[in-house]
Amino acid sequence: LASGEKILDVGCGTGSLTFELAKSAGLAEIQAIDFSPVFVAAAKEKNTDPRITISQADATALPFADDMFDRALALLVLHFVP
């Protein structure tokens, strides 16, 4: 990860790894998504970083334009995606 990058965290769950990502480098923005509304609500409740936006979305139909992010990460989630 490099300073100023915009990151997509696919399958953020309750945000544990998302919040660790925010500690590294000087990231400009992290968009974190998860399919589970319960996990999204839990992550939003824990979030105190204004660079992080957490929303409910499907990893197989991402609601973002092409080339919007410098990196996309799917940490510990692909085995849950059909």
PDB file of N, CA and C in Angstrom:
ATOM      1  N   LEU A   1       0.839  -1.189   0.000  1.00  0.00           N
ATOM      2  CA  LEU A   1       0.000   0.000   0.000  1.00  0.00           C
ATOM      3  C   LEU A   1       0.876   1.241   0.000  1.00  0.00           C
ATOM      4  N   ALA A   2       0.410   2.264  -0.685  1.00  0.00           N
ATOM      5  CA  ALA A   2       1.182   3.497  -0.776  1.00  0.00           C
ATOM      6  C   ALA A   2       0.344   4.698  -0.338  1.00  0.00           C
ATOM      7  N   SER A   3       1.029   5.693   0.123  1.00  0.00           N
ATOM      8  CA  SER A   3       0.381   6.919   0.572  1.00  0.00           C
ATOM      9  C   SER A   3      -0.485   7.516  -0.544  1.00  0.00           C
ATOM     10  N   GLY A   4      -1.688   7.963  -0.174  1.00  0.00           N
ATOM     11  CA  GLY A   4      -2.583   8.613  -1.127  1.00  0.00           C
ATOM     12  C   GLY A   4      -3.475   7.678  -1.919  1.00  0.00           C
ATOM     13  N   GLU A   5      -3.313   6.373  -1.751  1.00  0.00           N
ATOM     14  CA  GLU A   5      -4.114   5.432  -2.543  1.00  0.00           C
ATOM     15  C   GLU A   5      -5.550   5.331  -2.045  1.00  0.00           C
ATOM     16  N   LYS A   6      -6.423   4.948  -2.986  1.00  0.00           N
ATOM     17  CA  LYS A   6      -7.818   4.652  -2.693  1.00  0.00           C
ATOM     18  C   LYS A   6      -7.973   3.140  -2.760  1.00  0.00           C
ATOM     19  N   ILE A   7      -8.534   2.556  -1.702  1.00  0.00           N
ATOM     20  CA  ILE A   7      -8.604   1.107  -1.552  1.00  0.00           C
ATOM     21  C   ILE A   7     -10.054   0.654  -1.489  1.00  0.00           C
ATOM     22  N   LEU A   8     -10.346  -0.478  -2.117  1.00  0.00           N
ATOM     23  CA  LEU A   8     -11.629  -1.152  -1.959  1.00  0.00           C
ATOM     24  C   LEU A   8     -11.383  -2.417  -1.162  1.00  0.00           C
ATOM     25  N   ASP A   9     -12.074  -2.549  -0.041  1.00  0.00           N
ATOM     26  CA  ASP A   9     -11.996  -3.750   0.792  1.00  0.00           C
ATOM     27  C   ASP A   9     -13.288  -4.532   0.588  1.00  0.00           C
ATOM     28  N   VAL A  10     -13.200  -5.626  -0.163  1.00  0.00           N
ATOM     29  CA  VAL A  10     -14.363  -6.454  -0.497  1.00  0.00           C
ATOM     30  C   VAL A  10     -14.527  -7.530   0.567  1.00  0.00           C
ATOM     31  N   GLY A  11     -15.694  -7.563   1.193  1.00  0.00           N
ATOM     32  CA  GLY A  11     -15.954  -8.555   2.228  1.00  0.00           C
ATOM     33  C   GLY A  11     -15.347  -8.146   3.557  1.00  0.00           C
ATOM     34  N   CYS A  12     -15.647  -6.945   3.996  1.00  0.00           N
ATOM     35  CA  CYS A  12     -15.012  -6.395   5.197  1.00  0.00           C
ATOM     36  C   CYS A  12     -15.499  -7.001   6.498  1.00  0.00           C
ATOM     37  N   GLY A  13     -16.614  -7.715   6.465  1.00  0.00           N
ATOM     38  CA  GLY A  13     -17.141  -8.278   7.709  1.00  0.00           C
ATOM     39  C   GLY A  13     -17.418  -7.179   8.708  1.00  0.00           C
ATOM     40  N   THR A  14     -16.971  -7.370   9.946  1.00  0.00           N
ATOM     41  CA  THR A  14     -17.199  -6.368  10.987  1.00  0.00           C
ATOM     42  C   THR A  14     -16.116  -5.297  11.013  1.00  0.00           C
ATOM     43  N   GLY A  15     -15.187  -5.335  10.049  1.00  0.00           N
ATOM     44  CA  GLY A  15     -14.231  -4.263   9.879  1.00  0.00           C
ATOM     45  C   GLY A  15     -12.852  -4.454  10.482  1.00  0.00           C
ATOM     46  N   SER A  16     -12.582  -5.574  11.103  1.00  0.00           N
ATOM     47  CA  SER A  16     -11.292  -5.772  11.776  1.00  0.00           C
ATOM     48  C   SER A  16     -10.103  -5.493  10.857  1.00  0.00           C
ATOM     49  N   LEU A  17     -10.089  -6.099   9.679  1.00  0.00           N
ATOM     50  CA  LEU A  17      -8.962  -5.890   8.763  1.00  0.00           C
ATOM     51  C   LEU A  17      -9.039  -4.518   8.091  1.00  0.00           C
ATOM     52  N   THR A  18     -10.224  -4.013   7.892  1.00  0.00           N
ATOM     53  CA  THR A  18     -10.385  -2.670   7.314  1.00  0.00           C
ATOM     54  C   THR A  18      -9.703  -1.638   8.209  1.00  0.00           C
ATOM     55  N   PHE A  19      -9.940  -1.743   9.504  1.00  0.00           N
ATOM     56  CA  PHE A  19      -9.371  -0.782  10.441  1.00  0.00           C
ATOM     57  C   PHE A  19      -7.854  -0.940  10.546  1.00  0.00           C
ATOM     58  N   GLU A  20      -7.342  -2.142  10.340  1.00  0.00           N
ATOM     59  CA  GLU A  20      -5.887  -2.343  10.308  1.00  0.00           C
ATOM     60  C   GLU A  20      -5.293  -1.717   9.041  1.00  0.00           C
ATOM     61  N   LEU A  21      -5.995  -1.851   7.921  1.00  0.00           N
ATOM     62  CA  LEU A  21      -5.543  -1.222   6.677  1.00  0.00           C
ATOM     63  C   LEU A  21      -5.378   0.280   6.855  1.00  0.00           C
ATOM     64  N   ALA A  22      -6.298   0.879   7.574  1.00  0.00           N
ATOM     65  CA  ALA A  22      -6.271   2.328   7.761  1.00  0.00           C
ATOM     66  C   ALA A  22      -5.025   2.788   8.520  1.00  0.00           C
ATOM     67  N   LYS A  23      -4.413   1.888   9.267  1.00  0.00           N
ATOM     68  CA  LYS A  23      -3.204   2.226  10.027  1.00  0.00           C
ATOM     69  C   LYS A  23      -1.961   2.239   9.143  1.00  0.00           C
ATOM     70  N   SER A  24      -2.040   1.606   7.967  1.00  0.00           N
ATOM     71  CA  SER A  24      -0.859   1.496   7.131  1.00  0.00           C
ATOM     72  C   SER A  24      -0.799   2.613   6.100  1.00  0.00           C
ATOM     73  N   ALA A  25       0.386   3.061   5.857  1.00  0.00           N
ATOM     74  CA  ALA A  25       0.632   4.136   4.881  1.00  0.00           C
ATOM     75  C   ALA A  25      -0.264   5.337   5.172  1.00  0.00           C
ATOM     76  N   GLY A  26      -0.397   6.210   4.255  1.00  0.00           N
ATOM     77  CA  GLY A  26      -1.267   7.379   4.394  1.00  0.00           C
ATOM     78  C   GLY A  26      -2.388   7.264   3.392  1.00  0.00           C
ATOM     79  N   LEU A  27      -3.166   6.219   3.497  1.00  0.00           N
ATOM     80  CA  LEU A  27      -4.229   5.980   2.526  1.00  0.00           C
ATOM     81  C   LEU A  27      -5.209   7.147   2.481  1.00  0.00           C
ATOM     82  N   ALA A  28      -5.651   7.471   1.288  1.00  0.00           N
ATOM     83  CA  ALA A  28      -6.585   8.588   1.105  1.00  0.00           C
ATOM     84  C   ALA A  28      -8.013   8.187   1.413  1.00  0.00           C
ATOM     85  N   GLU A  29      -8.365   6.953   1.053  1.00  0.00           N
ATOM     86  CA  GLU A  29      -9.763   6.531   1.165  1.00  0.00           C
ATOM     87  C   GLU A  29      -9.823   5.018   1.204  1.00  0.00           C
ATOM     88  N   ILE A  30     -10.756   4.488   1.999  1.00  0.00           N
ATOM     89  CA  ILE A  30     -11.051   3.055   2.005  1.00  0.00           C
ATOM     90  C   ILE A  30     -12.560   2.908   1.892  1.00  0.00           C
ATOM     91  N   GLN A  31     -12.997   2.247   0.837  1.00  0.00           N
ATOM     92  CA  GLN A  31     -14.398   1.867   0.687  1.00  0.00           C
ATOM     93  C   GLN A  31     -14.454   0.394   1.090  1.00  0.00           C
ATOM     94  N   ALA A  32     -15.264   0.083   2.079  1.00  0.00           N
ATOM     95  CA  ALA A  32     -15.377  -1.287   2.563  1.00  0.00           C
ATOM     96  C   ALA A  32     -16.801  -1.768   2.340  1.00  0.00           C
ATOM     97  N   ILE A  33     -16.935  -2.963   1.768  1.00  0.00           N
ATOM     98  CA  ILE A  33     -18.270  -3.504   1.523  1.00  0.00           C
ATOM     99  C   ILE A  33     -18.379  -4.911   2.109  1.00  0.00           C
ATOM    100  N   ASP A  34     -19.604  -5.269   2.436  1.00  0.00           N
ATOM    101  CA  ASP A  34     -19.915  -6.639   2.840  1.00  0.00           C
ATOM    102  C   ASP A  34     -21.351  -6.930   2.435  1.00  0.00           C
ATOM    103  N   PHE A  35     -21.641  -8.196   2.203  1.00  0.00           N
ATOM    104  CA  PHE A  35     -22.981  -8.608   1.793  1.00  0.00           C
ATOM    105  C   PHE A  35     -23.954  -8.597   2.972  1.00  0.00           C
ATOM    106  N   SER A  36     -23.439  -8.846   4.171  1.00  0.00           N
ATOM    107  CA  SER A  36     -24.283  -8.971   5.358  1.00  0.00           C
ATOM    108  C   SER A  36     -24.626  -7.619   5.982  1.00  0.00           C
ATOM    109  N   PRO A  37     -25.905  -7.272   6.035  1.00  0.00           N
ATOM    110  CA  PRO A  37     -26.297  -6.011   6.668  1.00  0.00           C
ATOM    111  C   PRO A  37     -25.924  -5.970   8.156  1.00  0.00           C
ATOM    112  N   VAL A  38     -25.920  -7.118   8.805  1.00  0.00           N
ATOM    113  CA  VAL A  38     -25.554  -7.182  10.224  1.00  0.00           C
ATOM    114  C   VAL A  38     -24.078  -6.836  10.402  1.00  0.00           C
ATOM    115  N   PHE A  39     -23.218  -7.392   9.556  1.00  0.00           N
ATOM    116  CA  PHE A  39     -21.787  -7.074   9.620  1.00  0.00           C
ATOM    117  C   PHE A  39     -21.536  -5.612   9.280  1.00  0.00           C
ATOM    118  N   VAL A  40     -22.233  -5.102   8.269  1.00  0.00           N
ATOM    119  CA  VAL A  40     -22.070  -3.701   7.870  1.00  0.00           C
ATOM    120  C   VAL A  40     -22.448  -2.779   9.028  1.00  0.00           C
ATOM    121  N   ALA A  41     -23.555  -3.068   9.695  1.00  0.00           N
ATOM    122  CA  ALA A  41     -23.988  -2.250  10.833  1.00  0.00           C
ATOM    123  C   ALA A  41     -22.948  -2.279  11.948  1.00  0.00           C
ATOM    124  N   ALA A  42     -22.390  -3.454  12.224  1.00  0.00           N
ATOM    125  CA  ALA A  42     -21.372  -3.581  13.279  1.00  0.00           C
ATOM    126  C   ALA A  42     -20.112  -2.791  12.916  1.00  0.00           C
ATOM    127  N   ALA A  43     -19.691  -2.880  11.664  1.00  0.00           N
ATOM    128  CA  ALA A  43     -18.493  -2.159  11.223  1.00  0.00           C
ATOM    129  C   ALA A  43     -18.710  -0.653  11.279  1.00  0.00           C
ATOM    130  N   LYS A  44     -19.877  -0.202  10.838  1.00  0.00           N
ATOM    131  CA  LYS A  44     -20.183   1.232  10.878  1.00  0.00           C
ATOM    132  C   LYS A  44     -20.163   1.750  12.318  1.00  0.00           C
ATOM    133  N   GLU A  45     -20.676   0.953  13.236  1.00  0.00           N
ATOM    134  CA  GLU A  45     -20.716   1.353  14.642  1.00  0.00           C
ATOM    135  C   GLU A  45     -19.306   1.527  15.221  1.00  0.00           C
ATOM    136  N   LYS A  46     -18.367   0.692  14.775  1.00  0.00           N
ATOM    137  CA  LYS A  46     -16.984   0.742  15.271  1.00  0.00           C
ATOM    138  C   LYS A  46     -16.133   1.805  14.574  1.00  0.00           C
ATOM    139  N   ASN A  47     -16.551   2.252  13.408  1.00  0.00           N
ATOM    140  CA  ASN A  47     -15.715   3.135  12.596  1.00  0.00           C
ATOM    141  C   ASN A  47     -15.605   4.544  13.174  1.00  0.00           C
ATOM    142  N   THR A  48     -14.362   4.999  13.323  1.00  0.00           N
ATOM    143  CA  THR A  48     -14.111   6.373  13.766  1.00  0.00           C
ATOM    144  C   THR A  48     -13.234   7.121  12.768  1.00  0.00           C
ATOM    145  N   ASP A  49     -12.905   6.490  11.659  1.00  0.00           N
ATOM    146  CA  ASP A  49     -11.979   7.061  10.674  1.00  0.00           C
ATOM    147  C   ASP A  49     -12.770   7.659   9.507  1.00  0.00           C
ATOM    148  N   PRO A  50     -12.684   8.956   9.288  1.00  0.00           N
ATOM    149  CA  PRO A  50     -13.457   9.588   8.212  1.00  0.00           C
ATOM    150  C   PRO A  50     -13.042   9.147   6.804  1.00  0.00           C
ATOM    151  N   ARG A  51     -11.886   8.492   6.666  1.00  0.00           N
ATOM    152  CA  ARG A  51     -11.455   8.001   5.350  1.00  0.00           C
ATOM    153  C   ARG A  51     -12.157   6.707   4.972  1.00  0.00           C
ATOM    154  N   ILE A  52     -12.817   6.071   5.947  1.00  0.00           N
ATOM    155  CA  ILE A  52     -13.460   4.770   5.717  1.00  0.00           C
ATOM    156  C   ILE A  52     -14.963   4.958   5.516  1.00  0.00           C
ATOM    157  N   THR A  53     -15.460   4.406   4.400  1.00  0.00           N
ATOM    158  CA  THR A  53     -16.895   4.346   4.132  1.00  0.00           C
ATOM    159  C   THR A  53     -17.273   2.882   4.045  1.00  0.00           C
ATOM    160  N   ILE A  54     -18.281   2.489   4.796  1.00  0.00           N
ATOM    161  CA  ILE A  54     -18.704   1.085   4.853  1.00  0.00           C
ATOM    162  C   ILE A  54     -20.124   0.993   4.320  1.00  0.00           C
ATOM    163  N   SER A  55     -20.352   0.039   3.407  1.00  0.00           N
ATOM    164  CA  SER A  55     -21.690  -0.114   2.842  1.00  0.00           C
ATOM    165  C   SER A  55     -21.977  -1.571   2.512  1.00  0.00           C
ATOM    166  N   GLN A  56     -23.263  -1.847   2.349  1.00  0.00           N
ATOM    167  CA  GLN A  56     -23.709  -3.193   1.983  1.00  0.00           C
ATOM    168  C   GLN A  56     -23.663  -3.307   0.471  1.00  0.00           C
ATOM    169  N   ALA A  57     -23.001  -4.351  -0.024  1.00  0.00           N
ATOM    170  CA  ALA A  57     -22.912  -4.585  -1.466  1.00  0.00           C
ATOM    171  C   ALA A  57     -22.526  -6.038  -1.721  1.00  0.00           C
ATOM    172  N   ASP A  58     -22.724  -6.462  -2.939  1.00  0.00           N
ATOM    173  CA  ASP A  58     -22.442  -7.825  -3.372  1.00  0.00           C
ATOM    174  C   ASP A  58     -21.092  -7.868  -4.085  1.00  0.00           C
ATOM    175  N   ALA A  59     -20.223  -8.743  -3.640  1.00  0.00           N
ATOM    176  CA  ALA A  59     -18.881  -8.866  -4.232  1.00  0.00           C
ATOM    177  C   ALA A  59     -18.931  -9.300  -5.693  1.00  0.00           C
ATOM    178  N   THR A  60     -20.043  -9.912  -6.114  1.00  0.00           N
ATOM    179  CA  THR A  60     -20.143 -10.365  -7.501  1.00  0.00           C
ATOM    180  C   THR A  60     -20.797  -9.321  -8.413  1.00  0.00           C
ATOM    181  N   ALA A  61     -21.190  -8.182  -7.834  1.00  0.00           N
ATOM    182  CA  ALA A  61     -21.795  -7.097  -8.620  1.00  0.00           C
ATOM    183  C   ALA A  61     -21.410  -5.771  -7.959  1.00  0.00           C
ATOM    184  N   LEU A  62     -20.158  -5.423  -8.050  1.00  0.00           N
ATOM    185  CA  LEU A  62     -19.650  -4.234  -7.362  1.00  0.00           C
ATOM    186  C   LEU A  62     -20.301  -2.954  -7.890  1.00  0.00           C
ATOM    187  N   PRO A  63     -20.746  -2.082  -6.981  1.00  0.00           N
ATOM    188  CA  PRO A  63     -21.439  -0.857  -7.389  1.00  0.00           C
ATOM    189  C   PRO A  63     -20.509   0.342  -7.585  1.00  0.00           C
ATOM    190  N   PHE A  64     -19.349   0.097  -8.183  1.00  0.00           N
ATOM    191  CA  PHE A  64     -18.364   1.157  -8.368  1.00  0.00           C
ATOM    192  C   PHE A  64     -17.942   1.224  -9.831  1.00  0.00           C
ATOM    193  N   ALA A  65     -17.574   2.406 -10.266  1.00  0.00           N
ATOM    194  CA  ALA A  65     -17.079   2.591 -11.629  1.00  0.00           C
ATOM    195  C   ALA A  65     -15.707   1.945 -11.787  1.00  0.00           C
ATOM    196  N   ASP A  66     -15.373   1.557 -13.003  1.00  0.00           N
ATOM    197  CA  ASP A  66     -14.041   1.027 -13.297  1.00  0.00           C
ATOM    198  C   ASP A  66     -12.988   2.083 -12.972  1.00  0.00           C
ATOM    199  N   ASP A  67     -11.832   1.623 -12.571  1.00  0.00           N
ATOM    200  CA  ASP A  67     -10.672   2.487 -12.303  1.00  0.00           C
ATOM    201  C   ASP A  67     -10.898   3.493 -11.177  1.00  0.00           C
ATOM    202  N   MET A  68     -11.821   3.191 -10.272  1.00  0.00           N
ATOM    203  CA  MET A  68     -12.098   4.094  -9.161  1.00  0.00           C
ATOM    204  C   MET A  68     -11.089   3.927  -8.019  1.00  0.00           C
ATOM    205  N   PHE A  69     -10.458   2.749  -7.952  1.00  0.00           N
ATOM    206  CA  PHE A  69      -9.557   2.434  -6.849  1.00  0.00           C
ATOM    207  C   PHE A  69      -8.161   2.110  -7.360  1.00  0.00           C
ATOM    208  N   ASP A  70      -7.183   2.351  -6.502  1.00  0.00           N
ATOM    209  CA  ASP A  70      -5.808   1.963  -6.816  1.00  0.00           C
ATOM    210  C   ASP A  70      -5.590   0.479  -6.562  1.00  0.00           C
ATOM    211  N   ARG A  71      -6.305  -0.042  -5.564  1.00  0.00           N
ATOM    212  CA  ARG A  71      -6.198  -1.466  -5.222  1.00  0.00           C
ATOM    213  C   ARG A  71      -7.548  -1.977  -4.719  1.00  0.00           C
ATOM    214  N   ALA A  72      -7.805  -3.230  -4.998  1.00  0.00           N
ATOM    215  CA  ALA A  72      -8.967  -3.908  -4.431  1.00  0.00           C
ATOM    216  C   ALA A  72      -8.449  -5.128  -3.671  1.00  0.00           C
ATOM    217  N   LEU A  73      -8.912  -5.280  -2.447  1.00  0.00           N
ATOM    218  CA  LEU A  73      -8.484  -6.380  -1.602  1.00  0.00           C
ATOM    219  C   LEU A  73      -9.690  -7.204  -1.187  1.00  0.00           C
ATOM    220  N   ALA A  74      -9.525  -8.504  -1.146  1.00  0.00           N
ATOM    221  CA  ALA A  74     -10.557  -9.416  -0.653  1.00  0.00           C
ATOM    222  C   ALA A  74      -9.864 -10.335   0.348  1.00  0.00           C
ATOM    223  N   LEU A  75      -9.833  -9.898   1.591  1.00  0.00           N
ATOM    224  CA  LEU A  75      -9.070 -10.580   2.627  1.00  0.00           C
ATOM    225  C   LEU A  75      -9.955 -11.542   3.420  1.00  0.00           C
ATOM    226  N   LEU A  76      -9.646 -12.825   3.335  1.00  0.00           N
ATOM    227  CA  LEU A  76     -10.357 -13.862   4.100  1.00  0.00           C
ATOM    228  C   LEU A  76     -11.842 -13.944   3.753  1.00  0.00           C
ATOM    229  N   VAL A  77     -12.199 -13.690   2.490  1.00  0.00           N
ATOM    230  CA  VAL A  77     -13.616 -13.676   2.137  1.00  0.00           C
ATOM    231  C   VAL A  77     -13.967 -14.535   0.930  1.00  0.00           C
ATOM    232  N   LEU A  78     -13.042 -14.769   0.018  1.00  0.00           N
ATOM    233  CA  LEU A  78     -13.404 -15.423  -1.244  1.00  0.00           C
ATOM    234  C   LEU A  78     -14.047 -16.797  -1.070  1.00  0.00           C
ATOM    235  N   HIS A  79     -13.729 -17.508   0.000  1.00  0.00           N
ATOM    236  CA  HIS A  79     -14.340 -18.814   0.222  1.00  0.00           C
ATOM    237  C   HIS A  79     -15.829 -18.697   0.595  1.00  0.00           C
ATOM    238  N   PHE A  80     -16.322 -17.479   0.883  1.00  0.00           N
ATOM    239  CA  PHE A  80     -17.741 -17.255   1.176  1.00  0.00           C
ATOM    240  C   PHE A  80     -18.519 -16.793  -0.060  1.00  0.00           C
ATOM    241  N   VAL A  81     -17.823 -16.457  -1.145  1.00  0.00           N
ATOM    242  CA  VAL A  81     -18.475 -15.919  -2.340  1.00  0.00           C
ATOM    243  C   VAL A  81     -18.817 -17.064  -3.285  1.00  0.00           C
ATOM    244  N   PRO A  82     -20.110 -17.210  -3.629  1.00  0.00           N
ATOM    245  CA  PRO A  82     -20.485 -18.319  -4.529  1.00  0.00           C
ATOM    246  C   PRO A  82     -19.976 -18.098  -5.942  1.00  0.00           C
TER     247      PRO A  82
END
